[in-house]
Protein backbone atom coordinates (compact mmCIF):
# COMPACT_ATOMS: atom_id res chain seq x y z
CA MET A 1 -2.22 12.59 13.03
CA ALA A 2 -2.19 13.36 9.29
CA HIS A 3 -0.59 16.71 10.08
CA SER A 4 2.22 15.30 12.24
CA LYS A 5 5.59 15.98 10.62
CA GLU A 6 7.07 12.68 11.78
CA TRP A 7 3.95 10.78 10.69
CA GLN A 8 4.23 12.18 7.18
CA LYS A 9 7.93 11.28 7.02
CA MET A 10 7.13 7.78 8.25
CA ILE A 11 4.43 6.96 5.70
CA ARG A 12 6.61 8.33 2.88
CA GLY A 13 9.31 5.82 3.83
CA GLU A 14 11.75 8.46 5.03
CA LEU A 15 13.79 8.22 8.21
CA TYR A 16 11.70 9.49 11.11
CA TRP A 17 11.73 9.80 14.91
CA ALA A 18 9.63 6.92 16.28
CA TRP A 19 9.39 8.46 19.76
CA ASP A 20 7.42 11.45 18.50
CA GLU A 21 4.52 12.08 20.92
CA ASP A 22 1.82 11.69 18.25
CA LEU A 23 3.28 8.42 17.00
CA GLN A 24 3.60 7.05 20.53
CA ALA A 25 0.00 8.02 21.26
CA ASN A 26 -1.28 6.20 18.18
CA ARG A 27 0.76 3.09 18.94
CA THR A 28 -0.72 3.09 22.44
CA ARG A 29 -4.23 3.49 20.99
CA CYS A 30 -3.64 0.61 18.58
CA LYS A 31 -2.22 -1.66 21.28
CA GLN A 32 -5.24 -1.03 23.47
CA ALA A 33 -7.55 -1.79 20.54
CA CYS A 34 -5.67 -5.03 19.85
CA ASP A 35 -5.86 -5.98 23.53
CA GLU A 36 -9.63 -5.46 23.50
CA PHE A 37 -9.99 -7.55 20.34
CA ASN A 38 -7.82 -10.33 21.75
CA ALA A 39 -9.81 -10.40 24.99
CA ALA A 40 -13.15 -10.75 23.19
CA GLY A 41 -13.02 -14.55 23.17
CA ASN A 42 -16.16 -16.05 21.62
CA ALA A 43 -17.87 -12.73 21.00
CA SER A 44 -20.33 -12.44 18.12
CA ARG A 45 -19.17 -11.75 14.59
CA ARG A 46 -20.69 -8.27 14.90
CA GLU A 47 -18.73 -7.49 18.05
CA LYS A 48 -15.50 -8.85 16.54
CA VAL A 49 -15.96 -6.66 13.44
CA LYS A 50 -16.56 -3.63 15.65
CA LEU A 51 -13.38 -4.32 17.61
CA TRP A 52 -11.42 -4.99 14.40
CA ARG A 53 -12.55 -1.69 12.93
CA ASN A 54 -11.31 0.05 16.06
CA ILE A 55 -7.82 -1.36 15.41
CA VAL A 56 -7.66 -0.04 11.84
CA CYS A 57 -9.71 3.13 12.49
CA ASP A 58 -12.45 2.09 10.06
CA THR A 59 -15.29 4.55 10.72
CA ARG A 60 -17.93 3.04 8.43
CA PRO A 61 -21.33 2.76 10.13
CA MET A 62 -22.32 -0.73 11.25
CA PRO A 63 -25.39 -2.24 9.55
CA ALA A 64 -28.63 -2.54 11.48
CA VAL A 65 -28.86 -5.62 13.70
CA ASP A 66 -30.72 -8.61 12.25
CA SER A 67 -32.71 -10.53 14.87
CA ASP A 68 -31.53 -13.81 13.34
CA SER A 69 -27.96 -14.41 14.54
CA LYS A 70 -26.85 -16.25 11.39
CA ALA A 71 -28.32 -13.58 9.15
CA ASP A 72 -26.65 -10.90 11.25
CA GLU A 73 -23.29 -12.65 10.89
CA ALA A 74 -23.79 -12.87 7.12
CA LEU A 75 -24.07 -9.08 6.92
CA PHE A 76 -20.28 -8.86 7.23
CA GLU A 77 -19.28 -11.52 4.67
CA ASP A 78 -18.81 -8.95 1.91
CA THR A 79 -17.61 -6.03 4.01
CA ASP A 80 -14.86 -7.16 6.38
CA PRO A 81 -12.10 -9.76 6.85
CA PHE A 82 -12.39 -12.63 9.31
CA VAL A 83 -9.71 -12.20 11.96
CA ASP A 84 -8.77 -14.93 14.43
CA GLY A 85 -6.95 -13.43 17.41
CA PRO A 86 -4.62 -12.84 19.01
CA ILE A 87 -3.35 -10.15 16.67
CA SER A 88 -0.70 -7.45 17.12
CA VAL A 89 -0.61 -4.35 14.91
CA ASP A 90 1.73 -1.39 15.36
CA HIS A 91 -0.28 1.58 14.08
CA GLY A 92 -3.50 0.25 12.52
CA LEU A 93 -4.06 3.40 10.47
CA ASN A 94 -1.73 2.07 7.76
CA PHE A 95 -3.21 -1.45 7.64
CA LYS A 96 -5.86 -2.08 4.96
CA VAL A 97 -7.47 -5.51 4.51
CA GLY A 98 -10.03 -6.57 1.91
CA LYS A 99 -13.28 -8.43 2.40
CA SER A 100 -13.57 -12.23 2.64
CA THR A 101 -9.95 -12.47 3.78
CA PHE A 102 -8.95 -14.75 6.66
CA LEU A 103 -6.19 -13.64 9.04
CA ASN A 104 -5.13 -16.52 11.28
CA PHE A 105 -3.99 -16.29 14.90
CA ASN A 106 -0.73 -14.71 16.08
CA LEU A 107 -0.51 -12.26 13.18
CA LEU A 108 2.06 -9.48 13.69
CA VAL A 109 1.97 -6.39 11.47
CA LEU A 110 4.46 -3.52 11.63
CA ASP A 111 2.57 -1.03 9.48
CA THR A 112 5.14 1.76 9.53
CA CYS A 113 4.19 2.44 5.91
CA LEU A 114 1.06 1.28 4.11
CA VAL A 115 0.39 -2.47 4.37
CA THR A 116 -2.42 -3.74 2.15
CA ILE A 117 -3.97 -7.20 1.95
CA GLY A 118 -6.48 -7.83 -0.82
CA GLU A 119 -9.70 -9.80 -0.99
CA ASN A 120 -10.08 -13.59 -0.61
CA VAL A 121 -6.63 -13.93 0.96
CA LEU A 122 -5.79 -16.76 3.36
CA PHE A 123 -3.16 -16.49 6.11
CA GLY A 124 -1.79 -19.39 8.11
CA PRO A 125 -0.96 -18.87 11.80
CA ASN A 126 2.09 -16.94 13.03
CA VAL A 127 2.52 -14.76 9.94
CA CYS A 128 4.66 -11.63 10.40
CA ILE A 129 4.67 -8.58 8.13
CA TYR A 130 7.69 -6.40 8.83
CA GLY A 131 7.10 -3.03 7.19
CA ALA A 132 9.63 -1.36 9.51
CA THR A 133 13.36 -0.98 8.86
CA HIS A 134 16.45 0.55 10.47
CA PRO A 135 19.50 2.22 8.89
CA MET A 136 22.27 -0.24 8.05
CA ASP A 137 24.91 2.28 9.14
CA PRO A 138 25.32 1.87 12.93
CA ALA A 139 26.54 5.46 13.18
CA VAL A 140 23.11 6.55 11.93
CA ARG A 141 21.10 3.80 13.64
CA ARG A 142 22.42 4.57 17.15
CA GLY A 143 20.19 2.07 18.97
CA LEU A 144 17.15 3.76 20.49
CA LYS A 145 18.62 7.22 19.82
CA GLY A 146 18.53 7.07 16.03
CA PRO A 147 15.81 7.23 13.37
CA GLU A 148 13.74 4.41 11.93
CA GLY A 149 12.35 3.82 8.46
CA GLY A 150 9.92 1.64 6.56
CA LYS A 151 8.62 0.46 3.20
CA GLU A 152 5.18 -0.49 1.95
CA VAL A 153 4.02 -4.11 1.72
CA HIS A 154 1.26 -5.23 -0.66
CA ILE A 155 -0.40 -8.64 -0.79
CA GLU A 156 -2.85 -8.81 -3.68
CA ASP A 157 -6.18 -10.66 -4.05
CA ASP A 158 -6.50 -14.47 -3.84
CA VAL A 159 -3.11 -15.06 -2.22
CA TRP A 160 -2.41 -17.89 0.24
CA ILE A 161 0.29 -17.22 2.82
CA GLY A 162 1.37 -20.35 4.70
CA GLY A 163 1.98 -20.53 8.43
CA SER A 164 4.99 -18.80 10.00
CA VAL A 165 5.81 -16.82 6.86
CA LEU A 166 7.80 -13.59 7.26
CA VAL A 167 7.13 -10.85 4.71
CA LEU A 168 9.77 -8.11 4.73
CA ALA A 169 9.48 -4.41 3.95
CA GLY A 170 9.10 -3.37 0.33
CA VAL A 171 7.61 -6.66 -0.91
CA ARG A 172 4.63 -7.15 -3.24
CA ILE A 173 3.04 -10.59 -3.52
CA GLY A 174 1.07 -10.84 -6.74
CA LYS A 175 -2.52 -11.94 -7.26
CA GLY A 176 -3.28 -15.63 -6.91
CA SER A 177 0.14 -16.60 -5.59
CA THR A 178 1.02 -19.02 -2.79
CA VAL A 179 3.89 -18.70 -0.31
CA GLY A 180 4.99 -21.91 1.41
CA ALA A 181 4.98 -22.25 5.19
CA GLY A 182 8.06 -20.97 6.99
CA SER A 183 9.27 -18.85 4.08
CA VAL A 184 11.02 -15.49 4.41
CA VAL A 185 9.86 -13.26 1.56
CA THR A 186 12.51 -10.67 0.73
CA LYS A 187 11.58 -9.95 -2.91
CA ASP A 188 8.42 -9.59 -4.98
CA VAL A 189 6.46 -12.69 -5.97
CA PRO A 190 4.81 -12.41 -9.42
CA PRO A 191 1.10 -13.15 -9.85
CA PHE A 192 0.03 -16.81 -9.98
CA HIS A 193 3.33 -18.27 -8.80
CA PHE A 194 4.38 -20.51 -5.92
CA ALA A 195 7.33 -19.32 -3.84
CA ALA A 196 8.99 -20.91 -0.82
CA GLY A 197 12.23 -21.01 1.15
CA ASN A 198 14.55 -18.77 3.14
CA PRO A 199 14.94 -16.52 1.34
CA ALA A 200 11.83 -17.36 -0.67
CA ARG A 201 12.36 -18.05 -4.36
CA VAL A 202 9.83 -18.57 -7.12
CA ILE A 203 9.51 -22.30 -7.75
CA ARG A 204 6.83 -22.61 -10.41
CA ARG A 205 3.83 -21.01 -12.06
CA ILE A 206 0.41 -22.02 -10.75
CA GLU A 207 -1.93 -23.45 -13.37
CA THR A 208 -5.27 -21.67 -13.07
CA SER A 209 -8.08 -20.33 -15.23
CA MET A 210 -7.82 -17.08 -13.25
CA ASP A 211 -4.51 -16.23 -14.95
CA PRO A 212 -5.26 -14.21 -18.12
CA GLU A 213 -1.96 -15.35 -19.63
CA GLN A 214 -3.12 -18.98 -19.46
CA GLN A 215 -6.43 -18.43 -21.22
């Protein structure tokens, strides 16, 4: 996949042909992996982590099984996010999530370009991350016959994203920030700030000892 011409154009944020055979094959792979994760129900933490890693193509070896179920579950506290399905991810290969992060149900991620979520992040339900874009010019866009594009999205450590938030392509949400439920984030949010609304606007700075500028 790394050698696919259209894949390379896509991850660089250039216009690309989404119906390229390699891209279609990976989207199909990712959808199947998401379907398997979503069908797992009350599977063990170990099994959920295995299925999650299949979505994002994480090839790290799994730790040895601990005979104590609680101890076995604890093995993944500092290695993987906690993901509550159902989840829908477009490619998976471009989706990177830090440890001790909670992704709530009905998460949708269009990871056309790199989408990163840091550590200790909390997501409410129904969050959407739209890393994909289309040309504004309809003569270029041409419905299903034209190219697509994308931009990276980065959500830094210790962020709280409220329920039903939409994060659009090209956005960075800074460390320790909070985004209010139902917001549409079209621009960057600086670290340690609260933003809300449609479109989201920065409302105030968050008072915290974690902010080096407040020490």
